Amino acid sequence: MEKVTLLIPAYNEEGTIRRSAGIGISMMKRGYVHDVIVVDDGSTDRTAERAAIWAGPVSDKAAGTATFLAL
């Protein structure tokens, strides 16, 4: 079975990012997904901070307004 990369787009998802990321991580642990990447598109809430709990350090090297968080 080929594994895929799961992209989770997020904009002001502070209240829901835990559930979305958790589903992705669960799929990764089961071997269905190779990578889970949360794409924070300039949220004005704490979406990036919340995603970083599972992702580790937040990258600020993305071009434009998107910040990529590799889980």
Protein backbone atom coordinates (compact mmCIF):
# COMPACT_ATOMS: atom_id res chain seq x y z
CA MET A 1 0.00 0.00 0.00
CA GLU A 2 1.36 3.42 -0.93
CA LYS A 3 1.43 6.03 1.78
CA VAL A 4 0.33 9.60 1.18
CA THR A 5 1.00 12.97 2.77
CA LEU A 6 -2.04 14.47 4.48
CA LEU A 7 -2.38 18.25 4.29
CA ILE A 8 -4.63 19.92 6.84
CA PRO A 9 -5.48 23.52 5.88
CA ALA A 10 -6.18 25.73 8.86
CA TYR A 11 -7.35 29.30 9.34
CA ASN A 12 -8.47 30.32 12.83
CA GLU A 13 -8.98 26.68 13.84
CA GLU A 14 -7.79 27.01 17.43
CA GLY A 15 -10.83 25.13 18.70
CA THR A 16 -10.73 22.29 16.16
CA ILE A 17 -7.08 21.77 15.17
CA ARG A 18 -6.50 19.20 17.92
CA ARG A 19 -9.19 16.92 16.52
CA SER A 20 -8.05 17.35 12.92
CA ALA A 21 -4.39 16.76 13.75
CA GLY A 22 -5.30 13.82 15.98
CA ILE A 23 -7.15 12.10 13.15
CA GLY A 24 -4.13 12.61 10.89
CA ILE A 25 -1.70 11.28 13.47
CA SER A 26 -3.94 8.26 14.06
CA MET A 27 -3.90 7.54 10.31
CA MET A 28 -0.12 7.88 10.33
CA LYS A 29 0.26 5.42 13.22
CA ARG A 30 -1.88 2.90 11.33
CA GLY A 31 0.40 3.18 8.31
CA TYR A 32 -2.04 4.88 5.93
CA VAL A 33 -0.30 8.25 5.92
CA HIS A 34 3.41 9.02 5.61
CA ASP A 35 3.35 12.64 6.78
CA VAL A 36 0.80 15.01 8.29
CA ILE A 37 1.30 18.68 7.50
CA VAL A 38 -0.83 21.43 9.02
CA VAL A 39 -0.89 24.56 6.85
CA ASP A 40 -1.72 27.63 8.92
CA ASP A 41 -2.73 30.41 6.54
CA GLY A 42 -2.10 33.45 8.72
CA SER A 43 -4.51 32.68 11.53
CA THR A 44 -5.15 35.48 13.98
CA ASP A 45 -5.94 33.12 16.85
CA ARG A 46 -3.71 30.48 18.46
CA THR A 47 -4.01 27.85 15.71
CA ALA A 48 -0.24 27.68 15.11
CA GLU A 49 0.47 27.50 18.84
CA ARG A 50 -2.04 24.66 19.27
CA ALA A 51 -0.71 22.75 16.26
CA ALA A 52 2.85 23.15 17.57
CA ILE A 53 1.90 21.09 20.64
CA TRP A 54 1.92 18.06 18.33
CA ALA A 55 4.26 19.40 15.67
CA GLY A 56 7.13 20.73 17.73
CA PRO A 57 8.80 23.94 16.57
CA VAL A 58 6.81 26.13 14.18
CA SER A 59 8.53 26.98 10.90
CA ASP A 60 8.43 30.63 9.91
CA LYS A 61 10.31 30.11 6.63
CA ALA A 62 7.25 29.75 4.40
CA ALA A 63 6.68 32.26 1.63
CA GLY A 64 3.52 34.35 1.67
CA THR A 65 1.13 34.05 4.57
CA ALA A 66 1.15 30.27 4.95
CA THR A 67 3.15 28.66 7.72
CA PHE A 68 3.80 24.93 7.44
CA LEU A 69 3.85 22.70 10.51
CA ALA A 70 5.15 19.20 9.90
CA LEU A 71 3.72 16.75 12.42
